[in-house]
Amino acid sequence: MPNVTSMRKVIQAVGVLSVLIGVSGAIDHLWYQPFLGIILNSFNRLVVPHVTAFEGYELVANLALAAVGASLVLAMEVMRPRGRV
């Protein structure tokens, strides 16, 4: 059975990656973002153009992805076991 602490860290890592992808996609939408473009701009270049609900709201979609990632990181931090005081 997987350790709860390791699962929490994996979810936090996914959250951090989502924040990076969302912010990078927003930068790429407004201007050109050359750093790790194939990874960090994957949502902006592969998902957003194929979802009709995002049409005209590309910047909002990228920032929403960043917000969801930040929420994951914060939620897992709140669930972190605390030591005794």
PDB file of N, CA and C in Angstrom:
ATOM      1  N   MET A   1       0.841  -1.179   0.000  1.00  0.00           N
ATOM      2  CA  MET A   1       0.000   0.000   0.000  1.00  0.00           C
ATOM      3  C   MET A   1       0.888   1.244   0.000  1.00  0.00           C
ATOM      4  N   PRO A   2       0.601   2.200  -0.905  1.00  0.00           N
ATOM      5  CA  PRO A   2       1.449   3.394  -0.993  1.00  0.00           C
ATOM      6  C   PRO A   2       1.359   4.236   0.278  1.00  0.00           C
ATOM      7  N   ASN A   3       2.445   4.874   0.567  1.00  0.00           N
ATOM      8  CA  ASN A   3       2.525   5.744   1.724  1.00  0.00           C
ATOM      9  C   ASN A   3       1.737   7.033   1.453  1.00  0.00           C
ATOM     10  N   VAL A   4       0.969   7.501   2.428  1.00  0.00           N
ATOM     11  CA  VAL A   4       0.153   8.708   2.263  1.00  0.00           C
ATOM     12  C   VAL A   4       1.035   9.921   2.030  1.00  0.00           C
ATOM     13  N   THR A   5       2.174   9.970   2.683  1.00  0.00           N
ATOM     14  CA  THR A   5       3.085  11.101   2.522  1.00  0.00           C
ATOM     15  C   THR A   5       3.616  11.167   1.096  1.00  0.00           C
ATOM     16  N   SER A   6       3.955  10.030   0.519  1.00  0.00           N
ATOM     17  CA  SER A   6       4.467  10.036  -0.850  1.00  0.00           C
ATOM     18  C   SER A   6       3.364  10.401  -1.842  1.00  0.00           C
ATOM     19  N   MET A   7       2.132   9.968  -1.581  1.00  0.00           N
ATOM     20  CA  MET A   7       1.022  10.336  -2.464  1.00  0.00           C
ATOM     21  C   MET A   7       0.771  11.841  -2.398  1.00  0.00           C
ATOM     22  N   ARG A   8       0.880  12.411  -1.197  1.00  0.00           N
ATOM     23  CA  ARG A   8       0.693  13.848  -1.030  1.00  0.00           C
ATOM     24  C   ARG A   8       1.763  14.613  -1.802  1.00  0.00           C
ATOM     25  N   LYS A   9       2.987  14.123  -1.753  1.00  0.00           N
ATOM     26  CA  LYS A   9       4.080  14.783  -2.469  1.00  0.00           C
ATOM     27  C   LYS A   9       3.895  14.690  -3.984  1.00  0.00           C
ATOM     28  N   VAL A  10       3.383  13.565  -4.462  1.00  0.00           N
ATOM     29  CA  VAL A  10       3.124  13.418  -5.901  1.00  0.00           C
ATOM     30  C   VAL A  10       2.043  14.404  -6.334  1.00  0.00           C
ATOM     31  N   ILE A  11       0.983  14.531  -5.534  1.00  0.00           N
ATOM     32  CA  ILE A  11      -0.090  15.468  -5.877  1.00  0.00           C
ATOM     33  C   ILE A  11       0.428  16.899  -5.835  1.00  0.00           C
ATOM     34  N   GLN A  12       1.297  17.209  -4.883  1.00  0.00           N
ATOM     35  CA  GLN A  12       1.899  18.536  -4.837  1.00  0.00           C
ATOM     36  C   GLN A  12       2.761  18.785  -6.073  1.00  0.00           C
ATOM     37  N   ALA A  13       3.491  17.789  -6.501  1.00  0.00           N
ATOM     38  CA  ALA A  13       4.331  17.933  -7.694  1.00  0.00           C
ATOM     39  C   ALA A  13       3.471  18.177  -8.931  1.00  0.00           C
ATOM     40  N   VAL A  14       2.353  17.466  -9.032  1.00  0.00           N
ATOM     41  CA  VAL A  14       1.425  17.689 -10.150  1.00  0.00           C
ATOM     42  C   VAL A  14       0.869  19.117 -10.072  1.00  0.00           C
ATOM     43  N   GLY A  15       0.584  19.589  -8.862  1.00  0.00           N
ATOM     44  CA  GLY A  15       0.096  20.952  -8.682  1.00  0.00           C
ATOM     45  C   GLY A  15       1.120  21.986  -9.108  1.00  0.00           C
ATOM     46  N   VAL A  16       2.370  21.786  -8.721  1.00  0.00           N
ATOM     47  CA  VAL A  16       3.433  22.720  -9.114  1.00  0.00           C
ATOM     48  C   VAL A  16       3.604  22.713 -10.626  1.00  0.00           C
ATOM     49  N   LEU A  17       3.578  21.538 -11.234  1.00  0.00           N
ATOM     50  CA  LEU A  17       3.690  21.450 -12.692  1.00  0.00           C
ATOM     51  C   LEU A  17       2.513  22.151 -13.366  1.00  0.00           C
ATOM     52  N   SER A  18       1.308  22.003 -12.809  1.00  0.00           N
ATOM     53  CA  SER A  18       0.139  22.680 -13.373  1.00  0.00           C
ATOM     54  C   SER A  18       0.267  24.195 -13.274  1.00  0.00           C
ATOM     55  N   VAL A  19       0.803  24.684 -12.165  1.00  0.00           N
ATOM     56  CA  VAL A  19       1.032  26.130 -12.028  1.00  0.00           C
ATOM     57  C   VAL A  19       2.022  26.594 -13.082  1.00  0.00           C
ATOM     58  N   LEU A  20       3.122  25.869 -13.235  1.00  0.00           N
ATOM     59  CA  LEU A  20       4.126  26.250 -14.229  1.00  0.00           C
ATOM     60  C   LEU A  20       3.569  26.215 -15.641  1.00  0.00           C
ATOM     61  N   ILE A  21       2.799  25.178 -15.962  1.00  0.00           N
ATOM     62  CA  ILE A  21       2.220  25.064 -17.300  1.00  0.00           C
ATOM     63  C   ILE A  21       1.202  26.173 -17.539  1.00  0.00           C
ATOM     64  N   GLY A  22       0.378  26.468 -16.541  1.00  0.00           N
ATOM     65  CA  GLY A  22      -0.623  27.521 -16.690  1.00  0.00           C
ATOM     66  C   GLY A  22      -0.010  28.899 -16.872  1.00  0.00           C
ATOM     67  N   VAL A  23       0.965  29.229 -16.048  1.00  0.00           N
ATOM     68  CA  VAL A  23       1.625  30.536 -16.158  1.00  0.00           C
ATOM     69  C   VAL A  23       2.408  30.634 -17.464  1.00  0.00           C
ATOM     70  N   SER A  24       3.099  29.569 -17.820  1.00  0.00           N
ATOM     71  CA  SER A  24       3.853  29.568 -19.065  1.00  0.00           C
ATOM     72  C   SER A  24       2.929  29.696 -20.275  1.00  0.00           C
ATOM     73  N   GLY A  25       1.788  29.017 -20.221  1.00  0.00           N
ATOM     74  CA  GLY A  25       0.831  29.129 -21.326  1.00  0.00           C
ATOM     75  C   GLY A  25       0.256  30.527 -21.435  1.00  0.00           C
ATOM     76  N   ALA A  26       0.033  31.179 -20.290  1.00  0.00           N
ATOM     77  CA  ALA A  26      -0.459  32.565 -20.316  1.00  0.00           C
ATOM     78  C   ALA A  26       0.592  33.491 -20.915  1.00  0.00           C
ATOM     79  N   ILE A  27       1.843  33.291 -20.525  1.00  0.00           N
ATOM     80  CA  ILE A  27       2.929  34.097 -21.104  1.00  0.00           C
ATOM     81  C   ILE A  27       3.032  33.824 -22.594  1.00  0.00           C
ATOM     82  N   ASP A  28       2.934  32.562 -22.986  1.00  0.00           N
ATOM     83  CA  ASP A  28       3.017  32.207 -24.396  1.00  0.00           C
ATOM     84  C   ASP A  28       1.852  32.788 -25.191  1.00  0.00           C
ATOM     85  N   HIS A  29       0.690  32.868 -24.566  1.00  0.00           N
ATOM     86  CA  HIS A  29      -0.474  33.441 -25.256  1.00  0.00           C
ATOM     87  C   HIS A  29      -0.294  34.947 -25.472  1.00  0.00           C
ATOM     88  N   LEU A  30       0.282  35.625 -24.490  1.00  0.00           N
ATOM     89  CA  LEU A  30       0.478  37.069 -24.599  1.00  0.00           C
ATOM     90  C   LEU A  30       1.725  37.443 -25.381  1.00  0.00           C
ATOM     91  N   TRP A  31       2.744  36.609 -25.265  1.00  0.00           N
ATOM     92  CA  TRP A  31       4.033  36.874 -25.869  1.00  0.00           C
ATOM     93  C   TRP A  31       4.687  35.538 -26.121  1.00  0.00           C
ATOM     94  N   TYR A  32       5.839  35.477 -26.702  1.00  0.00           N
ATOM     95  CA  TYR A  32       6.510  34.208 -26.983  1.00  0.00           C
ATOM     96  C   TYR A  32       7.287  33.755 -25.754  1.00  0.00           C
ATOM     97  N   GLN A  33       7.128  32.503 -25.362  1.00  0.00           N
ATOM     98  CA  GLN A  33       7.808  31.925 -24.202  1.00  0.00           C
ATOM     99  C   GLN A  33       8.707  30.805 -24.691  1.00  0.00           C
ATOM    100  N   PRO A  34      10.031  31.030 -24.789  1.00  0.00           N
ATOM    101  CA  PRO A  34      10.911  30.029 -25.393  1.00  0.00           C
ATOM    102  C   PRO A  34      11.431  28.942 -24.455  1.00  0.00           C
ATOM    103  N   PHE A  35      11.281  29.061 -23.141  1.00  0.00           N
ATOM    104  CA  PHE A  35      11.889  28.124 -22.204  1.00  0.00           C
ATOM    105  C   PHE A  35      11.052  26.864 -22.048  1.00  0.00           C
ATOM    106  N   LEU A  36      11.619  25.719 -22.350  1.00  0.00           N
ATOM    107  CA  LEU A  36      10.953  24.423 -22.223  1.00  0.00           C
ATOM    108  C   LEU A  36       9.570  24.432 -22.866  1.00  0.00           C
ATOM    109  N   GLY A  37       9.477  25.021 -24.037  1.00  0.00           N
ATOM    110  CA  GLY A  37       8.198  25.217 -24.710  1.00  0.00           C
ATOM    111  C   GLY A  37       7.401  23.944 -24.945  1.00  0.00           C
ATOM    112  N   ILE A  38       8.057  22.854 -25.273  1.00  0.00           N
ATOM    113  CA  ILE A  38       7.339  21.613 -25.576  1.00  0.00           C
ATOM    114  C   ILE A  38       6.638  21.073 -24.334  1.00  0.00           C
ATOM    115  N   ILE A  39       7.190  21.324 -23.156  1.00  0.00           N
ATOM    116  CA  ILE A  39       6.588  20.838 -21.914  1.00  0.00           C
ATOM    117  C   ILE A  39       5.670  21.888 -21.311  1.00  0.00           C
ATOM    118  N   LEU A  40       6.205  23.079 -21.097  1.00  0.00           N
ATOM    119  CA  LEU A  40       5.455  24.101 -20.375  1.00  0.00           C
ATOM    120  C   LEU A  40       4.307  24.705 -21.180  1.00  0.00           C
ATOM    121  N   ASN A  41       4.367  24.636 -22.482  1.00  0.00           N
ATOM    122  CA  ASN A  41       3.295  25.195 -23.294  1.00  0.00           C
ATOM    123  C   ASN A  41       2.386  24.111 -23.873  1.00  0.00           C
ATOM    124  N   SER A  42       2.478  22.919 -23.343  1.00  0.00           N
ATOM    125  CA  SER A  42       1.696  21.803 -23.878  1.00  0.00           C
ATOM    126  C   SER A  42       0.192  22.054 -23.755  1.00  0.00           C
ATOM    127  N   PHE A  43      -0.277  22.558 -22.630  1.00  0.00           N
ATOM    128  CA  PHE A  43      -1.709  22.829 -22.447  1.00  0.00           C
ATOM    129  C   PHE A  43      -2.166  23.903 -23.420  1.00  0.00           C
ATOM    130  N   ASN A  44      -1.385  24.959 -23.540  1.00  0.00           N
ATOM    131  CA  ASN A  44      -1.762  26.076 -24.409  1.00  0.00           C
ATOM    132  C   ASN A  44      -1.761  25.679 -25.884  1.00  0.00           C
ATOM    133  N   ARG A  45      -0.886  24.789 -26.277  1.00  0.00           N
ATOM    134  CA  ARG A  45      -0.763  24.445 -27.698  1.00  0.00           C
ATOM    135  C   ARG A  45      -1.482  23.167 -28.099  1.00  0.00           C
ATOM    136  N   LEU A  46      -1.720  22.254 -27.149  1.00  0.00           N
ATOM    137  CA  LEU A  46      -2.328  20.979 -27.500  1.00  0.00           C
ATOM    138  C   LEU A  46      -3.782  20.852 -27.044  1.00  0.00           C
ATOM    139  N   VAL A  47      -4.143  21.440 -25.925  1.00  0.00           N
ATOM    140  CA  VAL A  47      -5.486  21.273 -25.383  1.00  0.00           C
ATOM    141  C   VAL A  47      -6.395  22.442 -25.755  1.00  0.00           C
ATOM    142  N   VAL A  48      -5.937  23.654 -25.515  1.00  0.00           N
ATOM    143  CA  VAL A  48      -6.784  24.843 -25.702  1.00  0.00           C
ATOM    144  C   VAL A  48      -7.346  24.955 -27.124  1.00  0.00           C
ATOM    145  N   PRO A  49      -6.565  24.735 -28.182  1.00  0.00           N
ATOM    146  CA  PRO A  49      -7.131  24.880 -29.527  1.00  0.00           C
ATOM    147  C   PRO A  49      -8.206  23.843 -29.873  1.00  0.00           C
ATOM    148  N   HIS A  50      -8.223  22.707 -29.175  1.00  0.00           N
ATOM    149  CA  HIS A  50      -9.164  21.636 -29.500  1.00  0.00           C
ATOM    150  C   HIS A  50     -10.423  21.633 -28.647  1.00  0.00           C
ATOM    151  N   VAL A  51     -10.521  22.534 -27.686  1.00  0.00           N
ATOM    152  CA  VAL A  51     -11.705  22.626 -26.832  1.00  0.00           C
ATOM    153  C   VAL A  51     -12.443  23.899 -27.221  1.00  0.00           C
ATOM    154  N   THR A  52     -13.625  23.746 -27.792  1.00  0.00           N
ATOM    155  CA  THR A  52     -14.350  24.916 -28.294  1.00  0.00           C
ATOM    156  C   THR A  52     -14.797  25.851 -27.179  1.00  0.00           C
ATOM    157  N   ALA A  53     -14.965  25.358 -25.976  1.00  0.00           N
ATOM    158  CA  ALA A  53     -15.366  26.214 -24.860  1.00  0.00           C
ATOM    159  C   ALA A  53     -14.272  27.229 -24.512  1.00  0.00           C
ATOM    160  N   PHE A  54     -13.025  26.929 -24.855  1.00  0.00           N
ATOM    161  CA  PHE A  54     -11.914  27.831 -24.561  1.00  0.00           C
ATOM    162  C   PHE A  54     -11.719  28.889 -25.640  1.00  0.00           C
ATOM    163  N   GLU A  55     -12.464  28.806 -26.735  1.00  0.00           N
ATOM    164  CA  GLU A  55     -12.283  29.736 -27.839  1.00  0.00           C
ATOM    165  C   GLU A  55     -12.580  31.161 -27.381  1.00  0.00           C
ATOM    166  N   GLY A  56     -11.587  32.004 -27.482  1.00  0.00           N
ATOM    167  CA  GLY A  56     -11.699  33.378 -27.028  1.00  0.00           C
ATOM    168  C   GLY A  56     -11.343  33.565 -25.565  1.00  0.00           C
ATOM    169  N   TYR A  57     -11.147  32.465 -24.848  1.00  0.00           N
ATOM    170  CA  TYR A  57     -10.820  32.515 -23.422  1.00  0.00           C
ATOM    171  C   TYR A  57      -9.519  31.772 -23.129  1.00  0.00           C
ATOM    172  N   GLU A  58      -8.585  31.838 -24.040  1.00  0.00           N
ATOM    173  CA  GLU A  58      -7.345  31.083 -23.894  1.00  0.00           C
ATOM    174  C   GLU A  58      -6.557  31.524 -22.667  1.00  0.00           C
ATOM    175  N   LEU A  59      -6.483  32.830 -22.446  1.00  0.00           N
ATOM    176  CA  LEU A  59      -5.743  33.342 -21.292  1.00  0.00           C
ATOM    177  C   LEU A  59      -6.401  32.906 -19.988  1.00  0.00           C
ATOM    178  N   VAL A  60      -7.719  32.967 -19.948  1.00  0.00           N
ATOM    179  CA  VAL A  60      -8.458  32.549 -18.752  1.00  0.00           C
ATOM    180  C   VAL A  60      -8.250  31.057 -18.498  1.00  0.00           C
ATOM    181  N   ALA A  61      -8.241  30.248 -19.544  1.00  0.00           N
ATOM    182  CA  ALA A  61      -8.042  28.805 -19.380  1.00  0.00           C
ATOM    183  C   ALA A  61      -6.660  28.513 -18.800  1.00  0.00           C
ATOM    184  N   ASN A  62      -5.647  29.198 -19.280  1.00  0.00           N
ATOM    185  CA  ASN A  62      -4.297  28.988 -18.758  1.00  0.00           C
ATOM    186  C   ASN A  62      -4.186  29.442 -17.312  1.00  0.00           C
ATOM    187  N   LEU A  63      -4.758  30.582 -16.984  1.00  0.00           N
ATOM    188  CA  LEU A  63      -4.704  31.062 -15.605  1.00  0.00           C
ATOM    189  C   LEU A  63      -5.548  30.189 -14.683  1.00  0.00           C
ATOM    190  N   ALA A  64      -6.640  29.629 -15.188  1.00  0.00           N
ATOM    191  CA  ALA A  64      -7.446  28.701 -14.384  1.00  0.00           C
ATOM    192  C   ALA A  64      -6.660  27.431 -14.086  1.00  0.00           C
ATOM    193  N   LEU A  65      -5.893  26.943 -15.056  1.00  0.00           N
ATOM    194  CA  LEU A  65      -5.035  25.783 -14.818  1.00  0.00           C
ATOM    195  C   LEU A  65      -4.011  26.092 -13.729  1.00  0.00           C
ATOM    196  N   ALA A  66      -3.437  27.279 -13.769  1.00  0.00           N
ATOM    197  CA  ALA A  66      -2.486  27.684 -12.731  1.00  0.00           C
ATOM    198  C   ALA A  66      -3.177  27.759 -11.365  1.00  0.00           C
ATOM    199  N   ALA A  67      -4.402  28.264 -11.329  1.00  0.00           N
ATOM    200  CA  ALA A  67      -5.143  28.355 -10.063  1.00  0.00           C
ATOM    201  C   ALA A  67      -5.479  26.968  -9.514  1.00  0.00           C
ATOM    202  N   VAL A  68      -5.852  26.047 -10.379  1.00  0.00           N
ATOM    203  CA  VAL A  68      -6.141  24.681  -9.936  1.00  0.00           C
ATOM    204  C   VAL A  68      -4.866  24.035  -9.380  1.00  0.00           C
ATOM    205  N   GLY A  69      -3.753  24.257 -10.045  1.00  0.00           N
ATOM    206  CA  GLY A  69      -2.488  23.721  -9.546  1.00  0.00           C
ATOM    207  C   GLY A  69      -2.110  24.302  -8.195  1.00  0.00           C
ATOM    208  N   ALA A  70      -2.298  25.614  -8.031  1.00  0.00           N
ATOM    209  CA  ALA A  70      -2.011  26.242  -6.739  1.00  0.00           C
ATOM    210  C   ALA A  70      -2.940  25.698  -5.658  1.00  0.00           C
ATOM    211  N   SER A  71      -4.185  25.445  -6.021  1.00  0.00           N
ATOM    212  CA  SER A  71      -5.137  24.878  -5.059  1.00  0.00           C
ATOM    213  C   SER A  71      -4.709  23.481  -4.623  1.00  0.00           C
ATOM    214  N   LEU A  72      -4.217  22.686  -5.554  1.00  0.00           N
ATOM    215  CA  LEU A  72      -3.719  21.350  -5.205  1.00  0.00           C
ATOM    216  C   LEU A  72      -2.547  21.434  -4.228  1.00  0.00           C
ATOM    217  N   VAL A  73      -1.615  22.328  -4.516  1.00  0.00           N
ATOM    218  CA  VAL A  73      -0.452  22.471  -3.650  1.00  0.00           C
ATOM    219  C   VAL A  73      -0.880  22.910  -2.252  1.00  0.00           C
ATOM    220  N   LEU A  74      -1.752  23.906  -2.184  1.00  0.00           N
ATOM    221  CA  LEU A  74      -2.198  24.399  -0.877  1.00  0.00           C
ATOM    222  C   LEU A  74      -3.014  23.358  -0.120  1.00  0.00           C
ATOM    223  N   ALA A  75      -3.865  22.628  -0.814  1.00  0.00           N
ATOM    224  CA  ALA A  75      -4.677  21.606  -0.155  1.00  0.00           C
ATOM    225  C   ALA A  75      -3.803  20.501   0.422  1.00  0.00           C
ATOM    226  N   MET A  76      -2.788  20.104  -0.302  1.00  0.00           N
ATOM    227  CA  MET A  76      -1.909  19.058   0.208  1.00  0.00           C
ATOM    228  C   MET A  76      -1.050  19.575   1.351  1.00  0.00           C
ATOM    229  N   GLU A  77      -0.724  20.854   1.344  1.00  0.00           N
ATOM    230  CA  GLU A  77       0.034  21.432   2.453  1.00  0.00           C
ATOM    231  C   GLU A  77      -0.814  21.480   3.717  1.00  0.00           C
ATOM    232  N   VAL A  78      -2.090  21.776   3.565  1.00  0.00           N
ATOM    233  CA  VAL A  78      -2.996  21.791   4.720  1.00  0.00           C
ATOM    234  C   VAL A  78      -3.140  20.385   5.290  1.00  0.00           C
ATOM    235  N   MET A  79      -3.129  19.381   4.441  1.00  0.00           N
ATOM    236  CA  MET A  79      -3.297  17.992   4.885  1.00  0.00           C
ATOM    237  C   MET A  79      -2.003  17.388   5.444  1.00  0.00           C
ATOM    238  N   ARG A  80      -0.914  18.136   5.379  1.00  0.00           N
ATOM    239  CA  ARG A  80       0.377  17.631   5.869  1.00  0.00           C
ATOM    240  C   ARG A  80       0.280  17.363   7.371  1.00  0.00           C
ATOM    241  N   PRO A  81       0.744  16.208   7.794  1.00  0.00           N
ATOM    242  CA  PRO A  81       0.694  15.919   9.238  1.00  0.00           C
ATOM    243  C   PRO A  81       1.631  16.839   9.995  1.00  0.00           C
ATOM    244  N   ARG A  82       1.139  17.351  11.094  1.00  0.00           N
ATOM    245  CA  ARG A  82       1.931  18.262  11.919  1.00  0.00           C
ATOM    246  C   ARG A  82       2.566  17.497  13.062  1.00  0.00           C
ATOM    247  N   GLY A  83       3.747  17.925  13.459  1.00  0.00           N
ATOM    248  CA  GLY A  83       4.405  17.330  14.617  1.00  0.00           C
ATOM    249  C   GLY A  83       3.791  17.863  15.904  1.00  0.00           C
ATOM    250  N   ARG A  84       4.021  17.167  16.970  1.00  0.00           N
ATOM    251  CA  ARG A  84       3.498  17.627  18.256  1.00  0.00           C
ATOM    252  C   ARG A  84       4.293  18.820  18.739  1.00  0.00           C
ATOM    253  N   VAL A  85       3.579  19.748  19.339  1.00  0.00           N
ATOM    254  CA  VAL A  85       4.219  20.985  19.833  1.00  0.00           C
ATOM    255  C   VAL A  85       4.637  20.825  21.262  1.00  0.00           C
TER     256      VAL A  85
END
